[in-house]
Amino acid sequence: MLADDSTLEQVDTVAVMLQETMVGTLDQHVQPKRWCSRSKRWWNPELKDLRKALGRAWRGWRTKGMSRVQEARRELWRAIRKAKRDCWNHFLQESSGKEVWTVASYT
């Protein structure tokens, strides 16, 4: 494959072959990520549980009243805002390289 006296073109060729092999292997053996409306960086298990709680509150609103639905909705939206804020702050702290320009364009 490669020796100590390999040229830059040979190294590039081997790197491309390695990448193609890795991608092909992953495509065969790894289930692809399914994206949905909740596929966000900031979506977490806590929000999933709060969303389920909101659904339960909606299903029982006739017997328990609308105030429970309103409180569940309020709690979910507060948690979403907090998750987005935390995700953004983490992104700002961890950004480097090209991401710095992404941060600059957002602000």
PDB file of N, CA and C in Angstrom:
ATOM      1  N   MET A   1       0.834  -1.183   0.000  1.00  0.00           N
ATOM      2  CA  MET A   1       0.000   0.000   0.000  1.00  0.00           C
ATOM      3  C   MET A   1       0.887   1.258   0.000  1.00  0.00           C
ATOM      4  N   LEU A   2       1.255   1.711   1.182  1.00  0.00           N
ATOM      5  CA  LEU A   2       2.072   2.914   1.290  1.00  0.00           C
ATOM      6  C   LEU A   2       3.442   2.563   1.865  1.00  0.00           C
ATOM      7  N   ALA A   3       4.421   3.284   1.420  1.00  0.00           N
ATOM      8  CA  ALA A   3       5.783   3.127   1.939  1.00  0.00           C
ATOM      9  C   ALA A   3       6.261   4.480   2.437  1.00  0.00           C
ATOM     10  N   ASP A   4       7.444   4.491   2.968  1.00  0.00           N
ATOM     11  CA  ASP A   4       7.986   5.747   3.495  1.00  0.00           C
ATOM     12  C   ASP A   4       8.218   6.771   2.386  1.00  0.00           C
ATOM     13  N   ASP A   5       8.441   6.314   1.173  1.00  0.00           N
ATOM     14  CA  ASP A   5       8.716   7.229   0.071  1.00  0.00           C
ATOM     15  C   ASP A   5       7.490   7.451  -0.826  1.00  0.00           C
ATOM     16  N   SER A   6       6.286   7.274  -0.294  1.00  0.00           N
ATOM     17  CA  SER A   6       5.052   7.454  -1.065  1.00  0.00           C
ATOM     18  C   SER A   6       4.847   8.918  -1.401  1.00  0.00           C
ATOM     19  N   THR A   7       4.248   9.148  -2.548  1.00  0.00           N
ATOM     20  CA  THR A   7       3.977  10.523  -2.969  1.00  0.00           C
ATOM     21  C   THR A   7       2.666  11.005  -2.356  1.00  0.00           C
ATOM     22  N   LEU A   8       2.459  12.288  -2.452  1.00  0.00           N
ATOM     23  CA  LEU A   8       1.241  12.897  -1.923  1.00  0.00           C
ATOM     24  C   LEU A   8       0.005  12.350  -2.641  1.00  0.00           C
ATOM     25  N   GLU A   9       0.107  12.131  -3.944  1.00  0.00           N
ATOM     26  CA  GLU A   9      -1.018  11.597  -4.709  1.00  0.00           C
ATOM     27  C   GLU A   9      -1.372  10.182  -4.245  1.00  0.00           C
ATOM     28  N   GLN A  10      -0.351   9.376  -3.943  1.00  0.00           N
ATOM     29  CA  GLN A  10      -0.604   8.023  -3.463  1.00  0.00           C
ATOM     30  C   GLN A  10      -1.311   8.043  -2.109  1.00  0.00           C
ATOM     31  N   VAL A  11      -0.872   8.938  -1.247  1.00  0.00           N
ATOM     32  CA  VAL A  11      -1.500   9.064   0.073  1.00  0.00           C
ATOM     33  C   VAL A  11      -2.949   9.504  -0.084  1.00  0.00           C
ATOM     34  N   ASP A  12      -3.200  10.478  -0.972  1.00  0.00           N
ATOM     35  CA  ASP A  12      -4.568  10.939  -1.211  1.00  0.00           C
ATOM     36  C   ASP A  12      -5.445   9.815  -1.765  1.00  0.00           C
ATOM     37  N   THR A  13      -4.895   9.025  -2.673  1.00  0.00           N
ATOM     38  CA  THR A  13      -5.646   7.910  -3.252  1.00  0.00           C
ATOM     39  C   THR A  13      -6.016   6.882  -2.193  1.00  0.00           C
ATOM     40  N   VAL A  14      -5.060   6.545  -1.352  1.00  0.00           N
ATOM     41  CA  VAL A  14      -5.330   5.580  -0.287  1.00  0.00           C
ATOM     42  C   VAL A  14      -6.345   6.144   0.703  1.00  0.00           C
ATOM     43  N   ALA A  15      -6.256   7.449   1.003  1.00  0.00           N
ATOM     44  CA  ALA A  15      -7.204   8.071   1.928  1.00  0.00           C
ATOM     45  C   ALA A  15      -8.623   8.024   1.357  1.00  0.00           C
ATOM     46  N   VAL A  16      -8.773   8.282   0.066  1.00  0.00           N
ATOM     47  CA  VAL A  16     -10.092   8.232  -0.568  1.00  0.00           C
ATOM     48  C   VAL A  16     -10.626   6.803  -0.546  1.00  0.00           C
ATOM     49  N   MET A  17      -9.773   5.827  -0.845  1.00  0.00           N
ATOM     50  CA  MET A  17     -10.194   4.429  -0.814  1.00  0.00           C
ATOM     51  C   MET A  17     -10.631   4.019   0.585  1.00  0.00           C
ATOM     52  N   LEU A  18      -9.885   4.449   1.582  1.00  0.00           N
ATOM     53  CA  LEU A  18     -10.231   4.136   2.968  1.00  0.00           C
ATOM     54  C   LEU A  18     -11.575   4.742   3.346  1.00  0.00           C
ATOM     55  N   GLN A  19     -11.777   5.997   2.961  1.00  0.00           N
ATOM     56  CA  GLN A  19     -13.048   6.655   3.268  1.00  0.00           C
ATOM     57  C   GLN A  19     -14.211   5.952   2.583  1.00  0.00           C
ATOM     58  N   GLU A  20     -14.054   5.586   1.320  1.00  0.00           N
ATOM     59  CA  GLU A  20     -15.122   4.893   0.594  1.00  0.00           C
ATOM     60  C   GLU A  20     -15.428   3.539   1.234  1.00  0.00           C
ATOM     61  N   THR A  21     -14.389   2.848   1.674  1.00  0.00           N
ATOM     62  CA  THR A  21     -14.589   1.558   2.328  1.00  0.00           C
ATOM     63  C   THR A  21     -15.349   1.723   3.638  1.00  0.00           C
ATOM     64  N   MET A  22     -14.965   2.720   4.420  1.00  0.00           N
ATOM     65  CA  MET A  22     -15.636   2.953   5.700  1.00  0.00           C
ATOM     66  C   MET A  22     -17.096   3.334   5.486  1.00  0.00           C
ATOM     67  N   VAL A  23     -17.366   4.218   4.528  1.00  0.00           N
ATOM     68  CA  VAL A  23     -18.742   4.643   4.263  1.00  0.00           C
ATOM     69  C   VAL A  23     -19.570   3.464   3.775  1.00  0.00           C
ATOM     70  N   GLY A  24     -19.000   2.648   2.891  1.00  0.00           N
ATOM     71  CA  GLY A  24     -19.720   1.476   2.395  1.00  0.00           C
ATOM     72  C   GLY A  24     -20.051   0.493   3.502  1.00  0.00           C
ATOM     73  N   THR A  25     -19.097   0.270   4.401  1.00  0.00           N
ATOM     74  CA  THR A  25     -19.329  -0.641   5.524  1.00  0.00           C
ATOM     75  C   THR A  25     -20.406  -0.097   6.451  1.00  0.00           C
ATOM     76  N   LEU A  26     -20.343   1.198   6.751  1.00  0.00           N
ATOM     77  CA  LEU A  26     -21.359   1.802   7.615  1.00  0.00           C
ATOM     78  C   LEU A  26     -22.739   1.740   6.959  1.00  0.00           C
ATOM     79  N   ASP A  27     -22.801   2.005   5.662  1.00  0.00           N
ATOM     80  CA  ASP A  27     -24.090   1.945   4.961  1.00  0.00           C
ATOM     81  C   ASP A  27     -24.705   0.556   5.031  1.00  0.00           C
ATOM     82  N   GLN A  28     -23.854  -0.485   5.015  1.00  0.00           N
ATOM     83  CA  GLN A  28     -24.366  -1.854   5.065  1.00  0.00           C
ATOM     84  C   GLN A  28     -24.809  -2.265   6.459  1.00  0.00           C
ATOM     85  N   HIS A  29     -24.113  -1.807   7.484  1.00  0.00           N
ATOM     86  CA  HIS A  29     -24.316  -2.366   8.820  1.00  0.00           C
ATOM     87  C   HIS A  29     -24.975  -1.441   9.837  1.00  0.00           C
ATOM     88  N   VAL A  30     -25.112  -0.172   9.526  1.00  0.00           N
ATOM     89  CA  VAL A  30     -25.676   0.773  10.489  1.00  0.00           C
ATOM     90  C   VAL A  30     -27.012   1.274   9.958  1.00  0.00           C
ATOM     91  N   GLN A  31     -27.998   1.272  10.831  1.00  0.00           N
ATOM     92  CA  GLN A  31     -29.311   1.770  10.440  1.00  0.00           C
ATOM     93  C   GLN A  31     -29.244   3.285  10.283  1.00  0.00           C
ATOM     94  N   PRO A  32     -29.725   3.810   9.161  1.00  0.00           N
ATOM     95  CA  PRO A  32     -29.650   5.257   8.973  1.00  0.00           C
ATOM     96  C   PRO A  32     -30.550   5.997   9.961  1.00  0.00           C
ATOM     97  N   LYS A  33     -30.168   7.194  10.287  1.00  0.00           N
ATOM     98  CA  LYS A  33     -30.917   8.038  11.206  1.00  0.00           C
ATOM     99  C   LYS A  33     -32.189   8.504  10.525  1.00  0.00           C
ATOM    100  N   ARG A  34     -33.304   8.303  11.198  1.00  0.00           N
ATOM    101  CA  ARG A  34     -34.578   8.782  10.676  1.00  0.00           C
ATOM    102  C   ARG A  34     -34.855  10.150  11.281  1.00  0.00           C
ATOM    103  N   TRP A  35     -35.067  11.132  10.454  1.00  0.00           N
ATOM    104  CA  TRP A  35     -35.306  12.493  10.917  1.00  0.00           C
ATOM    105  C   TRP A  35     -36.801  12.762  10.981  1.00  0.00           C
ATOM    106  N   CYS A  36     -37.204  13.497  11.990  1.00  0.00           N
ATOM    107  CA  CYS A  36     -38.599  13.900  12.109  1.00  0.00           C
ATOM    108  C   CYS A  36     -38.632  15.337  12.604  1.00  0.00           C
ATOM    109  N   SER A  37     -39.809  15.840  12.868  1.00  0.00           N
ATOM    110  CA  SER A  37     -39.940  17.239  13.276  1.00  0.00           C
ATOM    111  C   SER A  37     -39.282  17.514  14.623  1.00  0.00           C
ATOM    112  N   ARG A  38     -39.067  16.450  15.426  1.00  0.00           N
ATOM    113  CA  ARG A  38     -38.418  16.644  16.725  1.00  0.00           C
ATOM    114  C   ARG A  38     -36.939  16.266  16.699  1.00  0.00           C
ATOM    115  N   SER A  39     -36.361  16.099  15.504  1.00  0.00           N
ATOM    116  CA  SER A  39     -34.943  15.768  15.397  1.00  0.00           C
ATOM    117  C   SER A  39     -34.132  17.052  15.485  1.00  0.00           C
ATOM    118  N   LYS A  40     -34.003  17.533  16.655  1.00  0.00           N
ATOM    119  CA  LYS A  40     -33.286  18.772  16.908  1.00  0.00           C
ATOM    120  C   LYS A  40     -32.151  18.496  17.892  1.00  0.00           C
ATOM    121  N   ARG A  41     -31.131  19.323  17.848  1.00  0.00           N
ATOM    122  CA  ARG A  41     -30.023  19.167  18.795  1.00  0.00           C
ATOM    123  C   ARG A  41     -30.507  19.303  20.231  1.00  0.00           C
ATOM    124  N   TRP A  42     -31.459  20.161  20.431  1.00  0.00           N
ATOM    125  CA  TRP A  42     -31.878  20.489  21.791  1.00  0.00           C
ATOM    126  C   TRP A  42     -32.960  19.550  22.318  1.00  0.00           C
ATOM    127  N   TRP A  43     -33.534  18.691  21.486  1.00  0.00           N
ATOM    128  CA  TRP A  43     -34.585  17.791  21.954  1.00  0.00           C
ATOM    129  C   TRP A  43     -33.973  16.731  22.850  1.00  0.00           C
ATOM    130  N   ASN A  44     -34.537  16.517  24.026  1.00  0.00           N
ATOM    131  CA  ASN A  44     -33.959  15.572  24.982  1.00  0.00           C
ATOM    132  C   ASN A  44     -35.065  14.718  25.610  1.00  0.00           C
ATOM    133  N   PRO A  45     -34.686  13.697  26.366  1.00  0.00           N
ATOM    134  CA  PRO A  45     -35.694  12.804  26.971  1.00  0.00           C
ATOM    135  C   PRO A  45     -36.663  13.529  27.913  1.00  0.00           C
ATOM    136  N   GLU A  46     -36.197  14.579  28.585  1.00  0.00           N
ATOM    137  CA  GLU A  46     -37.095  15.323  29.473  1.00  0.00           C
ATOM    138  C   GLU A  46     -38.239  15.955  28.677  1.00  0.00           C
ATOM    139  N   LEU A  47     -37.905  16.513  27.513  1.00  0.00           N
ATOM    140  CA  LEU A  47     -38.944  17.113  26.671  1.00  0.00           C
ATOM    141  C   LEU A  47     -39.897  16.045  26.146  1.00  0.00           C
ATOM    142  N   LYS A  48     -39.360  14.886  25.858  1.00  0.00           N
ATOM    143  CA  LYS A  48     -40.203  13.783  25.401  1.00  0.00           C
ATOM    144  C   LYS A  48     -41.229  13.416  26.473  1.00  0.00           C
ATOM    145  N   ASP A  49     -40.775  13.346  27.735  1.00  0.00           N
ATOM    146  CA  ASP A  49     -41.675  13.022  28.836  1.00  0.00           C
ATOM    147  C   ASP A  49     -42.721  14.116  29.047  1.00  0.00           C
ATOM    148  N   LEU A  50     -42.294  15.382  28.940  1.00  0.00           N
ATOM    149  CA  LEU A  50     -43.248  16.485  29.102  1.00  0.00           C
ATOM    150  C   LEU A  50     -44.270  16.499  27.966  1.00  0.00           C
ATOM    151  N   ARG A  51     -43.846  16.139  26.768  1.00  0.00           N
ATOM    152  CA  ARG A  51     -44.773  16.060  25.643  1.00  0.00           C
ATOM    153  C   ARG A  51     -45.808  14.961  25.870  1.00  0.00           C
ATOM    154  N   LYS A  52     -45.338  13.834  26.416  1.00  0.00           N
ATOM    155  CA  LYS A  52     -46.274  12.757  26.739  1.00  0.00           C
ATOM    156  C   LYS A  52     -47.257  13.210  27.818  1.00  0.00           C
ATOM    157  N   ALA A  53     -46.761  13.946  28.808  1.00  0.00           N
ATOM    158  CA  ALA A  53     -47.628  14.442  29.876  1.00  0.00           C
ATOM    159  C   ALA A  53     -48.683  15.395  29.313  1.00  0.00           C
ATOM    160  N   LEU A  54     -48.290  16.220  28.346  1.00  0.00           N
ATOM    161  CA  LEU A  54     -49.258  17.121  27.711  1.00  0.00           C
ATOM    162  C   LEU A  54     -50.327  16.315  26.980  1.00  0.00           C
ATOM    163  N   GLY A  55     -49.928  15.261  26.302  1.00  0.00           N
ATOM    164  CA  GLY A  55     -50.897  14.404  25.621  1.00  0.00           C
ATOM    165  C   GLY A  55     -51.855  13.756  26.602  1.00  0.00           C
ATOM    166  N   ARG A  56     -51.326  13.297  27.740  1.00  0.00           N
ATOM    167  CA  ARG A  56     -52.193  12.700  28.761  1.00  0.00           C
ATOM    168  C   ARG A  56     -53.163  13.728  29.318  1.00  0.00           C
ATOM    169  N   ALA A  57     -52.675  14.951  29.506  1.00  0.00           N
ATOM    170  CA  ALA A  57     -53.542  16.011  30.027  1.00  0.00           C
ATOM    171  C   ALA A  57     -54.654  16.325  29.030  1.00  0.00           C
ATOM    172  N   TRP A  58     -54.329  16.324  27.749  1.00  0.00           N
ATOM    173  CA  TRP A  58     -55.352  16.578  26.733  1.00  0.00           C
ATOM    174  C   TRP A  58     -56.391  15.473  26.719  1.00  0.00           C
ATOM    175  N   ARG A  59     -55.936  14.231  26.884  1.00  0.00           N
ATOM    176  CA  ARG A  59     -56.895  13.123  26.864  1.00  0.00           C
ATOM    177  C   ARG A  59     -57.827  13.147  28.076  1.00  0.00           C
ATOM    178  N   GLY A  60     -57.373  13.731  29.189  1.00  0.00           N
ATOM    179  CA  GLY A  60     -58.204  13.741  30.382  1.00  0.00           C
ATOM    180  C   GLY A  60     -58.771  15.095  30.732  1.00  0.00           C
ATOM    181  N   TRP A  61     -58.829  16.001  29.775  1.00  0.00           N
ATOM    182  CA  TRP A  61     -59.241  17.360  30.097  1.00  0.00           C
ATOM    183  C   TRP A  61     -60.707  17.452  30.493  1.00  0.00           C
ATOM    184  N   ARG A  62     -61.545  16.567  30.000  1.00  0.00           N
ATOM    185  CA  ARG A  62     -62.982  16.639  30.334  1.00  0.00           C
ATOM    186  C   ARG A  62     -63.229  16.344  31.809  1.00  0.00           C
ATOM    187  N   THR A  63     -62.450  15.433  32.378  1.00  0.00           N
ATOM    188  CA  THR A  63     -62.674  15.062  33.781  1.00  0.00           C
ATOM    189  C   THR A  63     -61.835  15.903  34.739  1.00  0.00           C
ATOM    190  N   LYS A  64     -60.648  16.327  34.308  1.00  0.00           N
ATOM    191  CA  LYS A  64     -59.749  17.019  35.226  1.00  0.00           C
ATOM    192  C   LYS A  64     -59.645  18.518  34.965  1.00  0.00           C
ATOM    193  N   GLY A  65     -60.214  18.992  33.878  1.00  0.00           N
ATOM    194  CA  GLY A  65     -60.249  20.415  33.605  1.00  0.00           C
ATOM    195  C   GLY A  65     -59.124  20.882  32.692  1.00  0.00           C
ATOM    196  N   MET A  66     -59.337  22.059  32.102  1.00  0.00           N
ATOM    197  CA  MET A  66     -58.373  22.641  31.169  1.00  0.00           C
ATOM    198  C   MET A  66     -57.150  23.201  31.876  1.00  0.00           C
ATOM    199  N   SER A  67     -57.246  23.479  33.152  1.00  0.00           N
ATOM    200  CA  SER A  67     -56.097  24.070  33.851  1.00  0.00           C
ATOM    201  C   SER A  67     -54.903  23.120  33.840  1.00  0.00           C
ATOM    202  N   ARG A  68     -55.164  21.817  33.888  1.00  0.00           N
ATOM    203  CA  ARG A  68     -54.075  20.839  33.838  1.00  0.00           C
ATOM    204  C   ARG A  68     -53.397  20.855  32.461  1.00  0.00           C
ATOM    205  N   VAL A  69     -54.187  21.029  31.414  1.00  0.00           N
ATOM    206  CA  VAL A  69     -53.641  21.107  30.056  1.00  0.00           C
ATOM    207  C   VAL A  69     -52.790  22.363  29.913  1.00  0.00           C
ATOM    208  N   GLN A  70     -53.316  23.468  30.412  1.00  0.00           N
ATOM    209  CA  GLN A  70     -52.577  24.721  30.313  1.00  0.00           C
ATOM    210  C   GLN A  70     -51.263  24.659  31.076  1.00  0.00           C
ATOM    211  N   GLU A  71     -51.281  24.065  32.252  1.00  0.00           N
ATOM    212  CA  GLU A  71     -50.059  23.940  33.043  1.00  0.00           C
ATOM    213  C   GLU A  71     -49.050  23.021  32.349  1.00  0.00           C
ATOM    214  N   ALA A  72     -49.522  21.920  31.779  1.00  0.00           N
ATOM    215  CA  ALA A  72     -48.627  20.999  31.068  1.00  0.00           C
ATOM    216  C   ALA A  72     -48.018  21.678  29.847  1.00  0.00           C
ATOM    217  N   ARG A  73     -48.830  22.445  29.125  1.00  0.00           N
ATOM    218  CA  ARG A  73     -48.331  23.171  27.957  1.00  0.00           C
ATOM    219  C   ARG A  73     -47.295  24.205  28.371  1.00  0.00           C
ATOM    220  N   ARG A  74     -47.603  24.947  29.424  1.00  0.00           N
ATOM    221  CA  ARG A  74     -46.678  25.969  29.928  1.00  0.00           C
ATOM    222  C   ARG A  74     -45.350  25.343  30.350  1.00  0.00           C
ATOM    223  N   GLU A  75     -45.432  24.214  31.034  1.00  0.00           N
ATOM    224  CA  GLU A  75     -44.230  23.522  31.493  1.00  0.00           C
ATOM    225  C   GLU A  75     -43.394  23.018  30.307  1.00  0.00           C
ATOM    226  N   LEU A  76     -44.057  22.492  29.281  1.00  0.00           N
ATOM    227  CA  LEU A  76     -43.348  22.011  28.098  1.00  0.00           C
ATOM    228  C   LEU A  76     -42.638  23.156  27.394  1.00  0.00           C
ATOM    229  N   TRP A  77     -43.326  24.262  27.178  1.00  0.00           N
ATOM    230  CA  TRP A  77     -42.709  25.379  26.466  1.00  0.00           C
ATOM    231  C   TRP A  77     -41.572  26.001  27.263  1.00  0.00           C
ATOM    232  N   ARG A  78     -41.689  26.051  28.575  1.00  0.00           N
ATOM    233  CA  ARG A  78     -40.574  26.543  29.398  1.00  0.00           C
ATOM    234  C   ARG A  78     -39.362  25.639  29.249  1.00  0.00           C
ATOM    235  N   ALA A  79     -39.597  24.334  29.281  1.00  0.00           N
ATOM    236  CA  ALA A  79     -38.498  23.376  29.142  1.00  0.00           C
ATOM    237  C   ALA A  79     -37.871  23.465  27.751  1.00  0.00           C
ATOM    238  N   ILE A  80     -38.689  23.685  26.717  1.00  0.00           N
ATOM    239  CA  ILE A  80     -38.159  23.835  25.356  1.00  0.00           C
ATOM    240  C   ILE A  80     -37.276  25.069  25.271  1.00  0.00           C
ATOM    241  N   ARG A  81     -37.754  26.192  25.807  1.00  0.00           N
ATOM    242  CA  ARG A  81     -36.942  27.417  25.774  1.00  0.00           C
ATOM    243  C   ARG A  81     -35.628  27.224  26.517  1.00  0.00           C
ATOM    244  N   LYS A  82     -35.678  26.538  27.659  1.00  0.00           N
ATOM    245  CA  LYS A  82     -34.460  26.287  28.434  1.00  0.00           C
ATOM    246  C   LYS A  82     -33.513  25.365  27.670  1.00  0.00           C
ATOM    247  N   ALA A  83     -34.047  24.336  27.033  1.00  0.00           N
ATOM    248  CA  ALA A  83     -33.206  23.406  26.271  1.00  0.00           C
ATOM    249  C   ALA A  83     -32.544  24.115  25.091  1.00  0.00           C
ATOM    250  N   LYS A  84     -33.302  24.970  24.399  1.00  0.00           N
ATOM    251  CA  LYS A  84     -32.730  25.722  23.286  1.00  0.00           C
ATOM    252  C   LYS A  84     -31.637  26.667  23.766  1.00  0.00           C
ATOM    253  N   ARG A  85     -31.899  27.346  24.882  1.00  0.00           N
ATOM    254  CA  ARG A  85     -30.913  28.268  25.437  1.00  0.00           C
ATOM    255  C   ARG A  85     -29.646  27.536  25.847  1.00  0.00           C
ATOM    256  N   ASP A  86     -29.792  26.400  26.522  1.00  0.00           N
ATOM    257  CA  ASP A  86     -28.635  25.616  26.943  1.00  0.00           C
ATOM    258  C   ASP A  86     -27.852  25.089  25.743  1.00  0.00           C
ATOM    259  N   CYS A  87     -28.558  24.639  24.710  1.00  0.00           N
ATOM    260  CA  CYS A  87     -27.904  24.127  23.508  1.00  0.00           C
ATOM    261  C   CYS A  87     -27.120  25.245  22.816  1.00  0.00           C
ATOM    262  N   TRP A  88     -27.719  26.420  22.728  1.00  0.00           N
ATOM    263  CA  TRP A  88     -27.060  27.557  22.083  1.00  0.00           C
ATOM    264  C   TRP A  88     -25.823  27.977  22.878  1.00  0.00           C
ATOM    265  N   ASN A  89     -25.951  28.064  24.195  1.00  0.00           N
ATOM    266  CA  ASN A  89     -24.796  28.448  25.013  1.00  0.00           C
ATOM    267  C   ASN A  89     -23.678  27.428  24.904  1.00  0.00           C
ATOM    268  N   HIS A  90     -24.025  26.138  24.860  1.00  0.00           N
ATOM    269  CA  HIS A  90     -23.020  25.089  24.698  1.00  0.00           C
ATOM    270  C   HIS A  90     -22.341  25.220  23.335  1.00  0.00           C
ATOM    271  N   PHE A  91     -23.118  25.501  22.296  1.00  0.00           N
ATOM    272  CA  PHE A  91     -22.564  25.691  20.959  1.00  0.00           C
ATOM    273  C   PHE A  91     -21.603  26.875  20.934  1.00  0.00           C
ATOM    274  N   LEU A  92     -21.970  27.964  21.595  1.00  0.00           N
ATOM    275  CA  LEU A  92     -21.098  29.139  21.633  1.00  0.00           C
ATOM    276  C   LEU A  92     -19.788  28.846  22.347  1.00  0.00           C
ATOM    277  N   GLN A  93     -19.851  28.096  23.434  1.00  0.00           N
ATOM    278  CA  GLN A  93     -18.647  27.790  24.199  1.00  0.00           C
ATOM    279  C   GLN A  93     -17.742  26.805  23.473  1.00  0.00           C
ATOM    280  N   GLU A  94     -18.328  25.861  22.737  1.00  0.00           N
ATOM    281  CA  GLU A  94     -17.546  24.799  22.108  1.00  0.00           C
ATOM    282  C   GLU A  94     -17.158  25.110  20.663  1.00  0.00           C
ATOM    283  N   SER A  95     -17.599  26.248  20.113  1.00  0.00           N
ATOM    284  CA  SER A  95     -17.351  26.511  18.700  1.00  0.00           C
ATOM    285  C   SER A  95     -15.881  26.811  18.446  1.00  0.00           C
ATOM    286  N   SER A  96     -15.398  26.299  17.323  1.00  0.00           N
ATOM    287  CA  SER A  96     -14.022  26.534  16.901  1.00  0.00           C
ATOM    288  C   SER A  96     -13.960  26.307  15.401  1.00  0.00           C
ATOM    289  N   GLY A  97     -12.921  26.801  14.779  1.00  0.00           N
ATOM    290  CA  GLY A  97     -12.759  26.617  13.340  1.00  0.00           C
ATOM    291  C   GLY A  97     -13.851  27.322  12.556  1.00  0.00           C
ATOM    292  N   LYS A  98     -14.475  26.608  11.618  1.00  0.00           N
ATOM    293  CA  LYS A  98     -15.516  27.196  10.776  1.00  0.00           C
ATOM    294  C   LYS A  98     -16.765  27.544  11.566  1.00  0.00           C
ATOM    295  N   GLU A  99     -16.983  26.866  12.688  1.00  0.00           N
ATOM    296  CA  GLU A  99     -18.184  27.139  13.491  1.00  0.00           C
ATOM    297  C   GLU A  99     -18.186  28.557  14.047  1.00  0.00           C
ATOM    298  N   VAL A 100     -16.999  29.148  14.218  1.00  0.00           N
ATOM    299  CA  VAL A 100     -16.922  30.522  14.713  1.00  0.00           C
ATOM    300  C   VAL A 100     -17.654  31.459  13.752  1.00  0.00           C
ATOM    301  N   TRP A 101     -17.510  31.209  12.460  1.00  0.00           N
ATOM    302  CA  TRP A 101     -18.189  32.052  11.476  1.00  0.00           C
ATOM    303  C   TRP A 101     -19.680  31.795  11.456  1.00  0.00           C
ATOM    304  N   THR A 102     -20.082  30.591  11.766  1.00  0.00           N
ATOM    305  CA  THR A 102     -21.505  30.293  11.890  1.00  0.00           C
ATOM    306  C   THR A 102     -22.101  31.086  13.053  1.00  0.00           C
ATOM    307  N   VAL A 103     -21.382  31.101  14.164  1.00  0.00           N
ATOM    308  CA  VAL A 103     -21.832  31.869  15.330  1.00  0.00           C
ATOM    309  C   VAL A 103     -21.937  33.345  14.969  1.00  0.00           C
ATOM    310  N   ALA A 104     -20.940  33.859  14.263  1.00  0.00           N
ATOM    311  CA  ALA A 104     -20.952  35.273  13.884  1.00  0.00           C
ATOM    312  C   ALA A 104     -22.129  35.608  12.973  1.00  0.00           C
ATOM    313  N   SER A 105     -22.475  34.683  12.074  1.00  0.00           N
ATOM    314  CA  SER A 105     -23.598  34.961  11.180  1.00  0.00           C
ATOM    315  C   SER A 105     -24.936  34.916  11.911  1.00  0.00           C
ATOM    316  N   TYR A 106     -25.035  34.113  12.981  1.00  0.00           N
ATOM    317  CA  TYR A 106     -26.284  34.035  13.744  1.00  0.00           C
ATOM    318  C   TYR A 106     -26.483  35.253  14.653  1.00  0.00           C
ATOM    319  N   THR A 107     -25.391  35.869  15.075  1.00  0.00           N
ATOM    320  CA  THR A 107     -25.517  36.982  16.029  1.00  0.00           C
ATOM    321  C   THR A 107     -25.474  38.311  15.388  1.00  0.00           C
TER     322      THR A 107
END
